[in-house]
Amino acid sequence: MTAKGSIKNNDFAQGVGKKGTTSRSDKNAMRQAFLAKMKEQARAVKKEIDND
């Protein structure tokens, strides 16, 4: 088995092979969570700067 083949299998394991709504909504959910986390961190940093 080549490295290329194993990479492909990993993609399938992570749901890339799933066509349709699931992978897209998963991606959107992950993106929303990531953006929310970044906003939260930015807010915390801003608070610290304001307190100084």
C-alpha atoms as a PDB file:
ATOM      1  CA  MET A   1       0.000   0.000   0.000  1.00  0.00           C
ATOM      2  CA  THR A   2       1.380   3.396  -0.957  1.00  0.00           C
ATOM      3  CA  ALA A   3       1.414   6.530   1.155  1.00  0.00           C
ATOM      4  CA  LYS A   4      -1.035   8.102  -1.256  1.00  0.00           C
ATOM      5  CA  GLY A   5      -3.482   5.272  -0.638  1.00  0.00           C
ATOM      6  CA  SER A   6      -3.298   5.625   3.118  1.00  0.00           C
ATOM      7  CA  ILE A   7      -3.888   9.367   2.914  1.00  0.00           C
ATOM      8  CA  LYS A   8      -7.010   8.674   0.894  1.00  0.00           C
ATOM      9  CA  ASN A   9      -8.203   6.198   3.524  1.00  0.00           C
ATOM     10  CA  ASN A  10      -7.647   8.774   6.252  1.00  0.00           C
ATOM     11  CA  ASP A  11      -9.759  11.249   4.314  1.00  0.00           C
ATOM     12  CA  PHE A  12     -12.549   8.693   4.180  1.00  0.00           C
ATOM     13  CA  ALA A  13     -12.209   8.016   7.896  1.00  0.00           C
ATOM     14  CA  GLN A  14     -12.632  11.739   8.556  1.00  0.00           C
ATOM     15  CA  GLY A  15     -15.849  11.818   6.562  1.00  0.00           C
ATOM     16  CA  VAL A  16     -14.559  13.462   3.396  1.00  0.00           C
ATOM     17  CA  GLY A  17     -15.975  10.541   1.439  1.00  0.00           C
ATOM     18  CA  LYS A  18     -19.478  11.189   2.784  1.00  0.00           C
ATOM     19  CA  LYS A  19     -21.383  13.045   0.113  1.00  0.00           C
ATOM     20  CA  GLY A  20     -24.307  15.265   0.985  1.00  0.00           C
ATOM     21  CA  THR A  21     -25.388  17.382   3.901  1.00  0.00           C
ATOM     22  CA  THR A  22     -23.508  15.808   6.826  1.00  0.00           C
ATOM     23  CA  SER A  23     -19.956  16.835   5.993  1.00  0.00           C
ATOM     24  CA  ARG A  24     -21.005  20.330   4.932  1.00  0.00           C
ATOM     25  CA  SER A  25     -22.980  21.000   8.122  1.00  0.00           C
ATOM     26  CA  ASP A  26     -20.143  19.516  10.180  1.00  0.00           C
ATOM     27  CA  LYS A  27     -17.709  21.902   8.502  1.00  0.00           C
ATOM     28  CA  ASN A  28     -20.020  24.849   9.147  1.00  0.00           C
ATOM     29  CA  ALA A  29     -20.463  23.873  12.795  1.00  0.00           C
ATOM     30  CA  MET A  30     -16.709  23.550  13.257  1.00  0.00           C
ATOM     31  CA  ARG A  31     -16.206  26.938  11.592  1.00  0.00           C
ATOM     32  CA  GLN A  32     -18.831  28.583  13.800  1.00  0.00           C
ATOM     33  CA  ALA A  33     -17.260  27.103  16.938  1.00  0.00           C
ATOM     34  CA  PHE A  34     -13.818  28.273  15.831  1.00  0.00           C
ATOM     35  CA  LEU A  35     -15.008  31.811  15.111  1.00  0.00           C
ATOM     36  CA  ALA A  36     -16.841  31.977  18.437  1.00  0.00           C
ATOM     37  CA  LYS A  37     -13.687  30.861  20.250  1.00  0.00           C
ATOM     38  CA  MET A  38     -11.597  33.492  18.488  1.00  0.00           C
ATOM     39  CA  LYS A  39     -14.122  36.216  19.345  1.00  0.00           C
ATOM     40  CA  GLU A  40     -14.094  35.081  22.982  1.00  0.00           C
ATOM     41  CA  GLN A  41     -10.280  35.216  23.112  1.00  0.00           C
ATOM     42  CA  ALA A  42     -10.231  38.647  21.479  1.00  0.00           C
ATOM     43  CA  ARG A  43     -12.706  39.913  24.065  1.00  0.00           C
ATOM     44  CA  ALA A  44     -10.605  38.554  26.930  1.00  0.00           C
ATOM     45  CA  VAL A  45      -7.436  40.165  25.561  1.00  0.00           C
ATOM     46  CA  LYS A  46      -9.231  43.474  25.114  1.00  0.00           C
ATOM     47  CA  LYS A  47     -10.430  43.339  28.743  1.00  0.00           C
ATOM     48  CA  GLU A  48      -6.879  42.744  29.965  1.00  0.00           C
ATOM     49  CA  ILE A  49      -5.601  45.694  27.934  1.00  0.00           C
ATOM     50  CA  ASP A  50      -8.396  47.934  29.247  1.00  0.00           C
ATOM     51  CA  ASN A  51      -7.595  46.934  32.831  1.00  0.00           C
ATOM     52  CA  ASP A  52      -3.954  47.987  32.458  1.00  0.00           C
END
